[in-house]
PDB file of all heavy atoms in Angstrom:
ATOM      1  N   THR A   1      44.265  45.365 -21.593  1.00  0.00           N
ATOM      2  CA  THR A   1      45.401  45.695 -20.733  1.00  0.00           C
ATOM      3  C   THR A   1      45.810  47.142 -20.945  1.00  0.00           C
ATOM      4  O   THR A   1      45.528  47.746 -21.975  1.00  0.00           O
ATOM      5  CB  THR A   1      46.631  44.798 -21.015  1.00  0.00           C
ATOM      6  OG1 THR A   1      47.150  45.101 -22.321  1.00  0.00           O
ATOM      7  CG2 THR A   1      46.274  43.319 -20.926  1.00  0.00           C
ATOM      8  N   SER A   2      46.515  47.668 -19.953  1.00  0.00           N
ATOM      9  CA  SER A   2      47.147  48.977 -20.100  1.00  0.00           C
ATOM     10  C   SER A   2      48.516  48.785 -20.728  1.00  0.00           C
ATOM     11  O   SER A   2      49.004  47.656 -20.866  1.00  0.00           O
ATOM     12  CB  SER A   2      47.289  49.629 -18.721  1.00  0.00           C
ATOM     13  OG  SER A   2      48.102  48.813 -17.883  1.00  0.00           O
ATOM     14  N   SER A   3      49.158  49.872 -21.102  1.00  0.00           N
ATOM     15  CA  SER A   3      50.533  49.807 -21.594  1.00  0.00           C
ATOM     16  C   SER A   3      51.481  49.730 -20.409  1.00  0.00           C
ATOM     17  O   SER A   3      51.314  50.452 -19.417  1.00  0.00           O
ATOM     18  CB  SER A   3      50.865  51.034 -22.431  1.00  0.00           C
ATOM     19  OG  SER A   3      52.263  51.103 -22.679  1.00  0.00           O
ATOM     20  N   ILE A   4      52.476  48.871 -20.521  1.00  0.00           N
ATOM     21  CA  ILE A   4      53.454  48.731 -19.445  1.00  0.00           C
ATOM     22  C   ILE A   4      54.238  50.020 -19.233  1.00  0.00           C
ATOM     23  O   ILE A   4      54.762  50.277 -18.143  1.00  0.00           O
ATOM     24  CB  ILE A   4      54.412  47.552 -19.741  1.00  0.00           C
ATOM     25  CG1 ILE A   4      55.192  47.165 -18.481  1.00  0.00           C
ATOM     26  CG2 ILE A   4      55.352  47.874 -20.906  1.00  0.00           C
ATOM     27  CD1 ILE A   4      55.986  45.871 -18.629  1.00  0.00           C
ATOM     28  N   HIS A   5      54.280  50.872 -20.233  1.00  0.00           N
ATOM     29  CA  HIS A   5      55.112  52.079 -20.175  1.00  0.00           C
ATOM     30  C   HIS A   5      54.394  53.270 -19.547  1.00  0.00           C
ATOM     31  O   HIS A   5      55.044  54.254 -19.175  1.00  0.00           O
ATOM     32  CB  HIS A   5      55.580  52.458 -21.585  1.00  0.00           C
ATOM     33  CG  HIS A   5      56.313  51.354 -22.278  1.00  0.00           C
ATOM     34  ND1 HIS A   5      57.536  50.895 -21.847  1.00  0.00           N
ATOM     35  CD2 HIS A   5      55.973  50.604 -23.363  1.00  0.00           C
ATOM     36  CE1 HIS A   5      57.946  49.907 -22.638  1.00  0.00           C
ATOM     37  NE2 HIS A   5      57.020  49.713 -23.560  1.00  0.00           N
ATOM     38  N   ASP A   6      53.081  53.212 -19.445  1.00  0.00           N
ATOM     39  CA  ASP A   6      52.309  54.370 -18.986  1.00  0.00           C
ATOM     40  C   ASP A   6      51.399  53.993 -17.834  1.00  0.00           C
ATOM     41  O   ASP A   6      50.825  52.903 -17.800  1.00  0.00           O
ATOM     42  CB  ASP A   6      51.456  54.939 -20.134  1.00  0.00           C
ATOM     43  CG  ASP A   6      52.298  55.307 -21.342  1.00  0.00           C
ATOM     44  OD1 ASP A   6      53.272  56.052 -21.164  1.00  0.00           O
ATOM     45  OD2 ASP A   6      51.982  54.827 -22.446  1.00  0.00           O
ATOM     46  N   PHE A   7      51.237  54.920 -16.899  1.00  0.00           N
ATOM     47  CA  PHE A   7      50.299  54.723 -15.794  1.00  0.00           C
ATOM     48  C   PHE A   7      48.983  55.401 -16.145  1.00  0.00           C
ATOM     49  O   PHE A   7      48.956  56.514 -16.674  1.00  0.00           O
ATOM     50  CB  PHE A   7      50.850  55.326 -14.498  1.00  0.00           C
ATOM     51  CG  PHE A   7      49.931  55.130 -13.316  1.00  0.00           C
ATOM     52  CD1 PHE A   7      50.030  53.981 -12.547  1.00  0.00           C
ATOM     53  CD2 PHE A   7      48.957  56.071 -13.004  1.00  0.00           C
ATOM     54  CE1 PHE A   7      49.173  53.783 -11.466  1.00  0.00           C
ATOM     55  CE2 PHE A   7      48.105  55.885 -11.919  1.00  0.00           C
ATOM     56  CZ  PHE A   7      48.216  54.734 -11.153  1.00  0.00           C
ATOM     57  N   SER A   8      47.869  54.720 -15.833  1.00  0.00           N
ATOM     58  CA  SER A   8      46.557  55.295 -16.103  1.00  0.00           C
ATOM     59  C   SER A   8      45.573  54.787 -15.061  1.00  0.00           C
ATOM     60  O   SER A   8      45.797  53.770 -14.408  1.00  0.00           O
ATOM     61  CB  SER A   8      46.078  54.913 -17.512  1.00  0.00           C
ATOM     62  OG  SER A   8      46.058  53.499 -17.667  1.00  0.00           O
ATOM     63  N   ALA A   9      44.475  55.497 -14.917  1.00  0.00           N
ATOM     64  CA  ALA A   9      43.426  55.105 -13.974  1.00  0.00           C
ATOM     65  C   ALA A   9      42.094  55.577 -14.512  1.00  0.00           C
ATOM     66  O   ALA A   9      42.014  56.572 -15.241  1.00  0.00           O
ATOM     67  CB  ALA A   9      43.693  55.708 -12.593  1.00  0.00           C
ATOM     68  N   GLY A  10      41.034  54.863 -14.158  1.00  0.00           N
ATOM     69  CA  GLY A  10      39.709  55.261 -14.619  1.00  0.00           C
ATOM     70  C   GLY A  10      38.624  54.423 -13.974  1.00  0.00           C
ATOM     71  O   GLY A  10      38.870  53.320 -13.484  1.00  0.00           O
ATOM     72  N   VAL A  11      37.417  54.948 -14.006  1.00  0.00           N
ATOM     73  CA  VAL A  11      36.252  54.242 -13.471  1.00  0.00           C
ATOM     74  C   VAL A  11      35.786  53.213 -14.498  1.00  0.00           C
ATOM     75  O   VAL A  11      35.559  53.550 -15.663  1.00  0.00           O
ATOM     76  CB  VAL A  11      35.118  55.227 -13.136  1.00  0.00           C
ATOM     77  CG1 VAL A  11      33.859  54.474 -12.719  1.00  0.00           C
ATOM     78  CG2 VAL A  11      35.559  56.188 -12.042  1.00  0.00           C
ATOM     79  N   ALA A  12      35.685  51.953 -14.072  1.00  0.00           N
ATOM     80  CA  ALA A  12      35.189  50.850 -14.911  1.00  0.00           C
ATOM     81  C   ALA A  12      36.016  50.691 -16.196  1.00  0.00           C
ATOM     82  O   ALA A  12      35.516  50.175 -17.195  1.00  0.00           O
ATOM     83  CB  ALA A  12      33.708  51.055 -15.250  1.00  0.00           C
ATOM     84  N   HIS A  13      37.269  51.088 -16.168  1.00  0.00           N
ATOM     85  CA  HIS A  13      38.128  51.080 -17.360  1.00  0.00           C
ATOM     86  C   HIS A  13      39.080  49.885 -17.301  1.00  0.00           C
ATOM     87  O   HIS A  13      40.053  49.891 -16.537  1.00  0.00           O
ATOM     88  CB  HIS A  13      38.913  52.389 -17.418  1.00  0.00           C
ATOM     89  CG  HIS A  13      39.685  52.590 -18.695  1.00  0.00           C
ATOM     90  ND1 HIS A  13      39.785  51.638 -19.678  1.00  0.00           N
ATOM     91  CD2 HIS A  13      40.407  53.664 -19.138  1.00  0.00           C
ATOM     92  CE1 HIS A  13      40.514  52.081 -20.664  1.00  0.00           C
ATOM     93  NE2 HIS A  13      40.912  53.315 -20.366  1.00  0.00           N
ATOM     94  N   ARG A  14      38.807  48.847 -18.098  1.00  0.00           N
ATOM     95  CA  ARG A  14      39.616  47.630 -18.066  1.00  0.00           C
ATOM     96  C   ARG A  14      40.918  47.764 -18.859  1.00  0.00           C
ATOM     97  O   ARG A  14      41.738  46.849 -18.862  1.00  0.00           O
ATOM     98  CB  ARG A  14      38.798  46.435 -18.558  1.00  0.00           C
ATOM     99  CG  ARG A  14      37.649  46.115 -17.635  1.00  0.00           C
ATOM    100  CD  ARG A  14      36.871  44.871 -18.015  1.00  0.00           C
ATOM    101  NE  ARG A  14      35.769  44.657 -17.083  1.00  0.00           N
ATOM    102  CZ  ARG A  14      35.870  44.033 -15.918  1.00  0.00           C
ATOM    103  NH1 ARG A  14      37.034  43.524 -15.555  1.00  0.00           N
ATOM    104  NH2 ARG A  14      34.838  43.896 -15.128  1.00  0.00           N
ATOM    105  N   GLY A  15      41.108  48.881 -19.502  1.00  0.00           N
ATOM    106  CA  GLY A  15      42.362  49.132 -20.191  1.00  0.00           C
ATOM    107  C   GLY A  15      43.254  50.092 -19.414  1.00  0.00           C
ATOM    108  O   GLY A  15      44.220  50.625 -19.963  1.00  0.00           O
ATOM    109  N   ALA A  16      42.952  50.271 -18.139  1.00  0.00           N
ATOM    110  CA  ALA A  16      43.738  51.178 -17.299  1.00  0.00           C
ATOM    111  C   ALA A  16      44.616  50.384 -16.335  1.00  0.00           C
ATOM    112  O   ALA A  16      44.350  49.216 -16.049  1.00  0.00           O
ATOM    113  CB  ALA A  16      42.808  52.100 -16.499  1.00  0.00           C
ATOM    114  N   SER A  17      45.667  51.033 -15.850  1.00  0.00           N
ATOM    115  CA  SER A  17      46.515  50.406 -14.836  1.00  0.00           C
ATOM    116  C   SER A  17      45.718  50.143 -13.564  1.00  0.00           C
ATOM    117  O   SER A  17      45.801  49.063 -12.964  1.00  0.00           O
ATOM    118  CB  SER A  17      47.707  51.296 -14.500  1.00  0.00           C
ATOM    119  OG  SER A  17      48.414  51.676 -15.655  1.00  0.00           O
ATOM    120  N   ILE A  18      44.966  51.159 -13.131  1.00  0.00           N
ATOM    121  CA  ILE A  18      44.137  51.068 -11.934  1.00  0.00           C
ATOM    122  C   ILE A  18      42.690  51.311 -12.332  1.00  0.00           C
ATOM    123  O   ILE A  18      42.361  52.339 -12.936  1.00  0.00           O
ATOM    124  CB  ILE A  18      44.542  52.097 -10.861  1.00  0.00           C
ATOM    125  CG1 ILE A  18      46.034  51.978 -10.527  1.00  0.00           C
ATOM    126  CG2 ILE A  18      43.670  51.937  -9.622  1.00  0.00           C
ATOM    127  CD1 ILE A  18      46.434  50.685  -9.864  1.00  0.00           C
ATOM    128  N   ARG A  19      41.826  50.377 -11.988  1.00  0.00           N
ATOM    129  CA  ARG A  19      40.392  50.516 -12.269  1.00  0.00           C
ATOM    130  C   ARG A  19      39.653  50.784 -10.961  1.00  0.00           C
ATOM    131  O   ARG A  19      39.867  50.076  -9.973  1.00  0.00           O
ATOM    132  CB  ARG A  19      39.840  49.254 -12.927  1.00  0.00           C
ATOM    133  CG  ARG A  19      38.350  49.333 -13.298  1.00  0.00           C
ATOM    134  CD  ARG A  19      37.901  48.061 -14.000  1.00  0.00           C
ATOM    135  NE  ARG A  19      37.751  46.972 -13.068  1.00  0.00           N
ATOM    136  CZ  ARG A  19      36.592  46.585 -12.524  1.00  0.00           C
ATOM    137  NH1 ARG A  19      35.475  47.241 -12.817  1.00  0.00           N
ATOM    138  NH2 ARG A  19      36.543  45.569 -11.681  1.00  0.00           N
ATOM    139  N   ILE A  20      38.811  51.802 -10.968  1.00  0.00           N
ATOM    140  CA  ILE A  20      37.870  52.017  -9.873  1.00  0.00           C
ATOM    141  C   ILE A  20      36.559  51.370 -10.301  1.00  0.00           C
ATOM    142  O   ILE A  20      35.949  51.804 -11.285  1.00  0.00           O
ATOM    143  CB  ILE A  20      37.661  53.515  -9.572  1.00  0.00           C
ATOM    144  CG1 ILE A  20      38.987  54.175  -9.180  1.00  0.00           C
ATOM    145  CG2 ILE A  20      36.627  53.702  -8.465  1.00  0.00           C
ATOM    146  CD1 ILE A  20      38.888  55.683  -8.992  1.00  0.00           C
ATOM    147  N   PRO A  21      36.119  50.327  -9.634  1.00  0.00           N
ATOM    148  CA  PRO A  21      34.868  49.677 -10.030  1.00  0.00           C
ATOM    149  C   PRO A  21      33.687  50.654 -10.004  1.00  0.00           C
ATOM    150  O   PRO A  21      33.663  51.590  -9.186  1.00  0.00           O
ATOM    151  CB  PRO A  21      34.693  48.566  -8.993  1.00  0.00           C
ATOM    152  CG  PRO A  21      36.089  48.281  -8.515  1.00  0.00           C
ATOM    153  CD  PRO A  21      36.771  49.616  -8.527  1.00  0.00           C
ATOM    154  N   ARG A  22      32.718  50.436 -10.894  1.00  0.00           N
ATOM    155  CA  ARG A  22      31.572  51.342 -10.994  1.00  0.00           C
ATOM    156  C   ARG A  22      30.857  51.502  -9.651  1.00  0.00           C
ATOM    157  O   ARG A  22      30.503  52.614  -9.238  1.00  0.00           O
ATOM    158  CB  ARG A  22      30.593  50.795 -12.038  1.00  0.00           C
ATOM    159  CG  ARG A  22      29.326  51.608 -12.219  1.00  0.00           C
ATOM    160  CD  ARG A  22      29.572  52.911 -12.949  1.00  0.00           C
ATOM    161  NE  ARG A  22      30.039  52.661 -14.305  1.00  0.00           N
ATOM    162  CZ  ARG A  22      30.581  53.588 -15.084  1.00  0.00           C
ATOM    163  NH1 ARG A  22      30.750  54.821 -14.603  1.00  0.00           N
ATOM    164  NH2 ARG A  22      30.986  53.302 -16.305  1.00  0.00           N
ATOM    165  N   GLY A  23      30.678  50.385  -8.949  1.00  0.00           N
ATOM    166  CA  GLY A  23      29.985  50.445  -7.666  1.00  0.00           C
ATOM    167  C   GLY A  23      30.726  51.268  -6.635  1.00  0.00           C
ATOM    168  O   GLY A  23      30.111  51.947  -5.801  1.00  0.00           O
ATOM    169  N   VAL A  24      32.047  51.231  -6.682  1.00  0.00           N
ATOM    170  CA  VAL A  24      32.865  52.013  -5.745  1.00  0.00           C
ATOM    171  C   VAL A  24      32.690  53.502  -6.025  1.00  0.00           C
ATOM    172  O   VAL A  24      32.546  54.311  -5.093  1.00  0.00           O
ATOM    173  CB  VAL A  24      34.346  51.596  -5.847  1.00  0.00           C
ATOM    174  CG1 VAL A  24      35.234  52.556  -5.049  1.00  0.00           C
ATOM    175  CG2 VAL A  24      34.535  50.166  -5.361  1.00  0.00           C
ATOM    176  N   ALA A  25      32.693  53.868  -7.294  1.00  0.00           N
ATOM    177  CA  ALA A  25      32.520  55.277  -7.661  1.00  0.00           C
ATOM    178  C   ALA A  25      31.150  55.790  -7.211  1.00  0.00           C
ATOM    179  O   ALA A  25      31.022  56.937  -6.761  1.00  0.00           O
ATOM    180  CB  ALA A  25      32.684  55.449  -9.170  1.00  0.00           C
ATOM    181  N   GLU A  26      30.132  54.937  -7.321  1.00  0.00           N
ATOM    182  CA  GLU A  26      28.786  55.352  -6.927  1.00  0.00           C
ATOM    183  C   GLU A  26      28.633  55.434  -5.404  1.00  0.00           C
ATOM    184  O   GLU A  26      27.998  56.346  -4.887  1.00  0.00           O
ATOM    185  CB  GLU A  26      27.753  54.383  -7.513  1.00  0.00           C
ATOM    186  CG  GLU A  26      27.656  54.475  -9.031  1.00  0.00           C
ATOM    187  CD  GLU A  26      26.730  53.422  -9.630  1.00  0.00           C
ATOM    188  OE1 GLU A  26      26.287  52.520  -8.880  1.00  0.00           O
ATOM    189  OE2 GLU A  26      26.460  53.500 -10.844  1.00  0.00           O
ATOM    190  N   ASP A  27      29.257  54.466  -4.706  1.00  0.00           N
ATOM    191  CA  ASP A  27      29.156  54.459  -3.233  1.00  0.00           C
ATOM    192  C   ASP A  27      30.124  55.431  -2.567  1.00  0.00           C
ATOM    193  O   ASP A  27      30.011  55.711  -1.371  1.00  0.00           O
ATOM    194  CB  ASP A  27      29.436  53.052  -2.691  1.00  0.00           C
ATOM    195  CG  ASP A  27      28.373  52.049  -3.094  1.00  0.00           C
ATOM    196  OD1 ASP A  27      27.272  52.477  -3.501  1.00  0.00           O
ATOM    197  OD2 ASP A  27      28.647  50.829  -3.017  1.00  0.00           O
ATOM    198  N   LYS A  28      31.110  55.870  -3.358  1.00  0.00           N
ATOM    199  CA  LYS A  28      32.156  56.771  -2.861  1.00  0.00           C
ATOM    200  C   LYS A  28      32.977  56.141  -1.732  1.00  0.00           C
ATOM    201  O   LYS A  28      33.478  56.826  -0.839  1.00  0.00           O
ATOM    202  CB  LYS A  28      31.583  58.123  -2.430  1.00  0.00           C
ATOM    203  CG  LYS A  28      30.901  58.884  -3.558  1.00  0.00           C
ATOM    204  CD  LYS A  28      30.546  60.285  -3.151  1.00  0.00           C
ATOM    205  CE  LYS A  28      29.805  61.011  -4.275  1.00  0.00           C
ATOM    206  NZ  LYS A  28      30.559  61.027  -5.550  1.00  0.00           N
ATOM    207  N   LYS A  29      33.138  54.844  -1.782  1.00  0.00           N
ATOM    208  CA  LYS A  29      33.988  54.113  -0.838  1.00  0.00           C
ATOM    209  C   LYS A  29      34.182  52.698  -1.354  1.00  0.00           C
ATOM    210  O   LYS A  29      33.438  52.239  -2.216  1.00  0.00           O
ATOM    211  CB  LYS A  29      33.357  54.074   0.555  1.00  0.00           C
ATOM    212  CG  LYS A  29      32.029  53.337   0.628  1.00  0.00           C
ATOM    213  CD  LYS A  29      31.477  53.349   2.040  1.00  0.00           C
ATOM    214  CE  LYS A  29      30.126  52.637   2.105  1.00  0.00           C
ATOM    215  NZ  LYS A  29      29.575  52.634   3.480  1.00  0.00           N
ATOM    216  N   GLY A  30      35.235  52.038  -0.805  1.00  0.00           N
ATOM    217  CA  GLY A  30      35.460  50.655  -1.230  1.00  0.00           C
ATOM    218  C   GLY A  30      36.923  50.338  -1.468  1.00  0.00           C
ATOM    219  O   GLY A  30      37.731  50.374  -0.544  1.00  0.00           O
ATOM    220  N   TYR A  31      37.282  50.080  -2.736  1.00  0.00           N
ATOM    221  CA  TYR A  31      38.624  49.586  -3.036  1.00  0.00           C
ATOM    222  C   TYR A  31      39.023  49.977  -4.457  1.00  0.00           C
ATOM    223  O   TYR A  31      38.196  50.467  -5.246  1.00  0.00           O
ATOM    224  CB  TYR A  31      38.646  48.062  -2.894  1.00  0.00           C
ATOM    225  CG  TYR A  31      37.741  47.336  -3.889  1.00  0.00           C
ATOM    226  CD1 TYR A  31      38.241  46.855  -5.090  1.00  0.00           C
ATOM    227  CD2 TYR A  31      36.382  47.140  -3.613  1.00  0.00           C
ATOM    228  CE1 TYR A  31      37.416  46.211  -6.002  1.00  0.00           C
ATOM    229  CE2 TYR A  31      35.560  46.491  -4.511  1.00  0.00           C
ATOM    230  CZ  TYR A  31      36.077  46.022  -5.701  1.00  0.00           C
ATOM    231  OH  TYR A  31      35.257  45.389  -6.608  1.00  0.00           O
ATOM    232  N   LEU A  32      40.288  49.771  -4.758  1.00  0.00           N
ATOM    233  CA  LEU A  32      40.787  49.952  -6.125  1.00  0.00           C
ATOM    234  C   LEU A  32      41.271  48.604  -6.658  1.00  0.00           C
ATOM    235  O   LEU A  32      41.586  47.700  -5.880  1.00  0.00           O
ATOM    236  CB  LEU A  32      41.913  50.978  -6.167  1.00  0.00           C
ATOM    237  CG  LEU A  32      43.195  50.707  -5.355  1.00  0.00           C
ATOM    238  CD1 LEU A  32      44.194  49.833  -6.116  1.00  0.00           C
ATOM    239  CD2 LEU A  32      43.864  52.019  -4.956  1.00  0.00           C
ATOM    240  N   GLU A  33      41.294  48.484  -7.969  1.00  0.00           N
ATOM    241  CA  GLU A  33      41.785  47.260  -8.604  1.00  0.00           C
ATOM    242  C   GLU A  33      43.056  47.575  -9.395  1.00  0.00           C
ATOM    243  O   GLU A  33      43.008  48.367 -10.341  1.00  0.00           O
ATOM    244  CB  GLU A  33      40.736  46.666  -9.547  1.00  0.00           C
ATOM    245  CG  GLU A  33      41.222  45.410 -10.258  1.00  0.00           C
ATOM    246  CD  GLU A  33      40.310  44.968 -11.396  1.00  0.00           C
ATOM    247  OE1 GLU A  33      39.794  45.834 -12.132  1.00  0.00           O
ATOM    248  OE2 GLU A  33      40.128  43.749 -11.554  1.00  0.00           O
ATOM    249  N   ASP A  34      44.163  46.972  -8.992  1.00  0.00           N
ATOM    250  CA  ASP A  34      45.420  47.102  -9.727  1.00  0.00           C
ATOM    251  C   ASP A  34      45.463  45.982 -10.770  1.00  0.00           C
ATOM    252  O   ASP A  34      45.556  44.805 -10.418  1.00  0.00           O
ATOM    253  CB  ASP A  34      46.607  47.000  -8.766  1.00  0.00           C
ATOM    254  CG  ASP A  34      47.906  47.469  -9.401  1.00  0.00           C
ATOM    255  OD1 ASP A  34      48.039  47.366 -10.642  1.00  0.00           O
ATOM    256  OD2 ASP A  34      48.795  47.921  -8.664  1.00  0.00           O
ATOM    257  N   ARG A  35      45.412  46.346 -12.043  1.00  0.00           N
ATOM    258  CA  ARG A  35      45.311  45.361 -13.117  1.00  0.00           C
ATOM    259  C   ARG A  35      46.674  45.004 -13.710  1.00  0.00           C
ATOM    260  O   ARG A  35      46.762  44.247 -14.680  1.00  0.00           O
ATOM    261  CB  ARG A  35      44.386  45.888 -14.219  1.00  0.00           C
ATOM    262  CG  ARG A  35      42.959  46.088 -13.729  1.00  0.00           C
ATOM    263  CD  ARG A  35      42.045  46.632 -14.822  1.00  0.00           C
ATOM    264  NE  ARG A  35      41.960  45.774 -15.981  1.00  0.00           N
ATOM    265  CZ  ARG A  35      41.168  44.701 -16.079  1.00  0.00           C
ATOM    266  NH1 ARG A  35      40.415  44.339 -15.040  1.00  0.00           N
ATOM    267  NH2 ARG A  35      41.141  43.989 -17.187  1.00  0.00           N
ATOM    268  N   ARG A  36      47.740  45.491 -13.104  1.00  0.00           N
ATOM    269  CA  ARG A  36      49.068  45.267 -13.675  1.00  0.00           C
ATOM    270  C   ARG A  36      49.731  43.944 -13.286  1.00  0.00           C
ATOM    271  O   ARG A  36      50.511  43.402 -14.086  1.00  0.00           O
ATOM    272  CB  ARG A  36      49.989  46.435 -13.284  1.00  0.00           C
ATOM    273  CG  ARG A  36      49.558  47.772 -13.876  1.00  0.00           C
ATOM    274  CD  ARG A  36      50.356  48.935 -13.281  1.00  0.00           C
ATOM    275  NE  ARG A  36      50.079  49.112 -11.851  1.00  0.00           N
ATOM    276  CZ  ARG A  36      50.714  49.976 -11.068  1.00  0.00           C
ATOM    277  NH1 ARG A  36      51.686  50.725 -11.574  1.00  0.00           N
ATOM    278  NH2 ARG A  36      50.404  50.089  -9.794  1.00  0.00           N
TER     279      ARG A  36
END
């Protein structure tokens, strides 16, 4: 999980607030995952 106090984002990062899936980063299109 991410920290409730901080916002973060990253590719394939399951400890971030927002994760960009690896396939999305490679295709340069798709969706974002809000893990909060």
